[in-house]
């Protein structure tokens, strides 16, 4: 029987639930994603919008390959906070010390 752990309060911009087939699996997933659910607003000090959403885009490596870049992105100003990807199991996590990339306004 699946086990669900809700990690975010009801009004969270990105509600996160961890679902596993065993208590250990659900707990492991919850542990990986708990700090992602704690992000409540854009990290741009000039924005602070609550309109944030999951983002995934393909980015190019310097050696010519590509990879998926996972992030939390602000719908208002376009700033984003990069997420890490576990090498095994594919879980996402918020990197310690990671800072928001702040989109600079285009100059005329």
C-alpha atoms as a PDB file:
ATOM      1  CA  UNK A   1       0.000   0.000   0.000  1.00  0.00           C
ATOM      2  CA  UNK A   2       1.499   3.382  -0.996  1.00  0.00           C
ATOM      3  CA  UNK A   3       2.486   5.771   1.777  1.00  0.00           C
ATOM      4  CA  UNK A   4       2.251   9.543   1.239  1.00  0.00           C
ATOM      5  CA  UNK A   5       4.089  12.266   3.155  1.00  0.00           C
ATOM      6  CA  UNK A   6       2.980  15.856   2.504  1.00  0.00           C
ATOM      7  CA  UNK A   7       5.942  18.209   2.801  1.00  0.00           C
ATOM      8  CA  UNK A   8       4.382  21.586   2.065  1.00  0.00           C
ATOM      9  CA  UNK A   9       1.703  23.667   3.753  1.00  0.00           C
ATOM     10  CA  UNK A  10      -1.574  23.964   1.774  1.00  0.00           C
ATOM     11  CA  UNK A  11      -0.686  27.436   0.407  1.00  0.00           C
ATOM     12  CA  UNK A  12       2.812  26.495  -0.822  1.00  0.00           C
ATOM     13  CA  UNK A  13       3.673  27.779  -4.325  1.00  0.00           C
ATOM     14  CA  UNK A  14       5.072  24.330  -5.208  1.00  0.00           C
ATOM     15  CA  UNK A  15       3.231  21.708  -3.136  1.00  0.00           C
ATOM     16  CA  UNK A  16       5.349  18.586  -2.678  1.00  0.00           C
ATOM     17  CA  UNK A  17       4.279  15.117  -1.630  1.00  0.00           C
ATOM     18  CA  UNK A  18       6.535  12.080  -1.372  1.00  0.00           C
ATOM     19  CA  UNK A  19       4.883   8.747  -2.182  1.00  0.00           C
ATOM     20  CA  UNK A  20       6.596   5.428  -1.638  1.00  0.00           C
ATOM     21  CA  UNK A  21       5.621   1.775  -1.504  1.00  0.00           C
ATOM     22  CA  UNK A  22       7.220   1.357   1.926  1.00  0.00           C
ATOM     23  CA  UNK A  23       7.675   3.747   4.856  1.00  0.00           C
ATOM     24  CA  UNK A  24      11.426   3.788   4.162  1.00  0.00           C
ATOM     25  CA  UNK A  25      10.962   4.676   0.495  1.00  0.00           C
ATOM     26  CA  UNK A  26       8.510   7.492   1.286  1.00  0.00           C
ATOM     27  CA  UNK A  27      10.818   8.821   4.008  1.00  0.00           C
ATOM     28  CA  UNK A  28      13.862   8.710   1.695  1.00  0.00           C
ATOM     29  CA  UNK A  29      11.997  10.706  -0.968  1.00  0.00           C
ATOM     30  CA  UNK A  30      10.682  13.155   1.631  1.00  0.00           C
ATOM     31  CA  UNK A  31      14.199  13.669   2.972  1.00  0.00           C
ATOM     32  CA  UNK A  32      15.522  14.447  -0.502  1.00  0.00           C
ATOM     33  CA  UNK A  33      12.816  16.993  -1.309  1.00  0.00           C
ATOM     34  CA  UNK A  34      11.949  18.583   2.044  1.00  0.00           C
ATOM     35  CA  UNK A  35      14.067  21.698   1.566  1.00  0.00           C
ATOM     36  CA  UNK A  36      12.687  22.227  -1.964  1.00  0.00           C
ATOM     37  CA  UNK A  37       9.191  22.543  -0.497  1.00  0.00           C
ATOM     38  CA  UNK A  38      10.477  25.177   1.917  1.00  0.00           C
ATOM     39  CA  UNK A  39      11.132  27.671  -0.926  1.00  0.00           C
ATOM     40  CA  UNK A  40       8.181  30.049  -0.697  1.00  0.00           C
ATOM     41  CA  UNK A  41       9.147  33.006  -2.877  1.00  0.00           C
ATOM     42  CA  UNK A  42      11.535  34.325  -5.498  1.00  0.00           C
ATOM     43  CA  UNK A  43      15.036  34.927  -4.146  1.00  0.00           C
ATOM     44  CA  UNK A  44      15.491  38.146  -6.120  1.00  0.00           C
ATOM     45  CA  UNK A  45      15.434  40.863  -3.429  1.00  0.00           C
ATOM     46  CA  UNK A  46      13.769  43.252  -5.874  1.00  0.00           C
ATOM     47  CA  UNK A  47      10.974  40.780  -6.708  1.00  0.00           C
ATOM     48  CA  UNK A  48      10.057  38.365  -3.854  1.00  0.00           C
ATOM     49  CA  UNK A  49       7.097  37.075  -5.903  1.00  0.00           C
ATOM     50  CA  UNK A  50       5.275  33.953  -4.736  1.00  0.00           C
ATOM     51  CA  UNK A  51       4.684  33.011  -8.394  1.00  0.00           C
ATOM     52  CA  UNK A  52       7.395  30.342  -8.572  1.00  0.00           C
ATOM     53  CA  UNK A  53       7.188  27.052 -10.462  1.00  0.00           C
ATOM     54  CA  UNK A  54       9.260  23.977 -11.372  1.00  0.00           C
ATOM     55  CA  UNK A  55      11.447  24.394 -14.440  1.00  0.00           C
ATOM     56  CA  UNK A  56      13.420  21.940 -16.575  1.00  0.00           C
ATOM     57  CA  UNK A  57      15.378  22.900 -19.660  1.00  0.00           C
ATOM     58  CA  UNK A  58      18.091  21.281 -21.704  1.00  0.00           C
ATOM     59  CA  UNK A  59      21.480  22.962 -21.291  1.00  0.00           C
ATOM     60  CA  UNK A  60      24.631  22.488 -23.343  1.00  0.00           C
ATOM     61  CA  UNK A  61      27.859  21.131 -21.854  1.00  0.00           C
ATOM     62  CA  UNK A  62      31.187  22.663 -22.823  1.00  0.00           C
ATOM     63  CA  UNK A  63      32.208  19.319 -24.394  1.00  0.00           C
ATOM     64  CA  UNK A  64      29.244  19.430 -26.795  1.00  0.00           C
ATOM     65  CA  UNK A  65      26.851  17.190 -24.857  1.00  0.00           C
ATOM     66  CA  UNK A  66      23.695  18.278 -23.112  1.00  0.00           C
ATOM     67  CA  UNK A  67      21.931  17.734 -19.791  1.00  0.00           C
ATOM     68  CA  UNK A  68      18.641  18.599 -18.107  1.00  0.00           C
ATOM     69  CA  UNK A  69      18.833  21.610 -15.779  1.00  0.00           C
ATOM     70  CA  UNK A  70      16.230  21.454 -13.019  1.00  0.00           C
ATOM     71  CA  UNK A  71      15.322  24.644 -11.157  1.00  0.00           C
ATOM     72  CA  UNK A  72      12.696  26.644  -9.321  1.00  0.00           C
ATOM     73  CA  UNK A  73      11.863  29.626 -11.528  1.00  0.00           C
ATOM     74  CA  UNK A  74      10.083  32.910 -10.888  1.00  0.00           C
ATOM     75  CA  UNK A  75       7.240  33.597 -13.333  1.00  0.00           C
ATOM     76  CA  UNK A  76       7.529  37.352 -12.733  1.00  0.00           C
ATOM     77  CA  UNK A  77      11.240  38.195 -13.108  1.00  0.00           C
ATOM     78  CA  UNK A  78      12.705  34.972 -14.563  1.00  0.00           C
ATOM     79  CA  UNK A  79      15.255  34.417 -11.791  1.00  0.00           C
ATOM     80  CA  UNK A  80      15.879  30.796 -10.830  1.00  0.00           C
ATOM     81  CA  UNK A  81      17.327  28.520  -8.170  1.00  0.00           C
ATOM     82  CA  UNK A  82      19.145  25.445  -9.491  1.00  0.00           C
ATOM     83  CA  UNK A  83      18.492  21.972  -8.076  1.00  0.00           C
ATOM     84  CA  UNK A  84      20.839  19.009  -7.854  1.00  0.00           C
ATOM     85  CA  UNK A  85      20.091  15.553  -9.221  1.00  0.00           C
ATOM     86  CA  UNK A  86      21.078  12.447  -7.279  1.00  0.00           C
ATOM     87  CA  UNK A  87      23.408  10.183  -9.267  1.00  0.00           C
ATOM     88  CA  UNK A  88      21.448   7.164  -8.084  1.00  0.00           C
ATOM     89  CA  UNK A  89      17.685   7.064  -7.836  1.00  0.00           C
ATOM     90  CA  UNK A  90      17.139  10.322  -9.723  1.00  0.00           C
ATOM     91  CA  UNK A  91      15.893  12.378  -6.750  1.00  0.00           C
ATOM     92  CA  UNK A  92      16.174  16.158  -6.771  1.00  0.00           C
ATOM     93  CA  UNK A  93      17.571  18.259  -3.945  1.00  0.00           C
ATOM     94  CA  UNK A  94      18.298  21.877  -3.083  1.00  0.00           C
ATOM     95  CA  UNK A  95      22.087  22.328  -3.055  1.00  0.00           C
ATOM     96  CA  UNK A  96      23.623  23.708   0.136  1.00  0.00           C
ATOM     97  CA  UNK A  97      24.905  27.232  -0.498  1.00  0.00           C
ATOM     98  CA  UNK A  98      23.134  27.501  -3.868  1.00  0.00           C
ATOM     99  CA  UNK A  99      22.022  31.053  -4.570  1.00  0.00           C
ATOM    100  CA  UNK A 100      19.341  32.383  -6.859  1.00  0.00           C
ATOM    101  CA  UNK A 101      20.493  33.323 -10.338  1.00  0.00           C
ATOM    102  CA  UNK A 102      19.084  36.826 -10.780  1.00  0.00           C
ATOM    103  CA  UNK A 103      18.008  37.769 -14.295  1.00  0.00           C
ATOM    104  CA  UNK A 104      19.452  41.146 -15.234  1.00  0.00           C
ATOM    105  CA  UNK A 105      17.084  43.594 -16.962  1.00  0.00           C
ATOM    106  CA  UNK A 106      17.791  44.023 -20.672  1.00  0.00           C
ATOM    107  CA  UNK A 107      19.406  47.355 -21.476  1.00  0.00           C
ATOM    108  CA  UNK A 108      18.238  49.350 -24.485  1.00  0.00           C
END
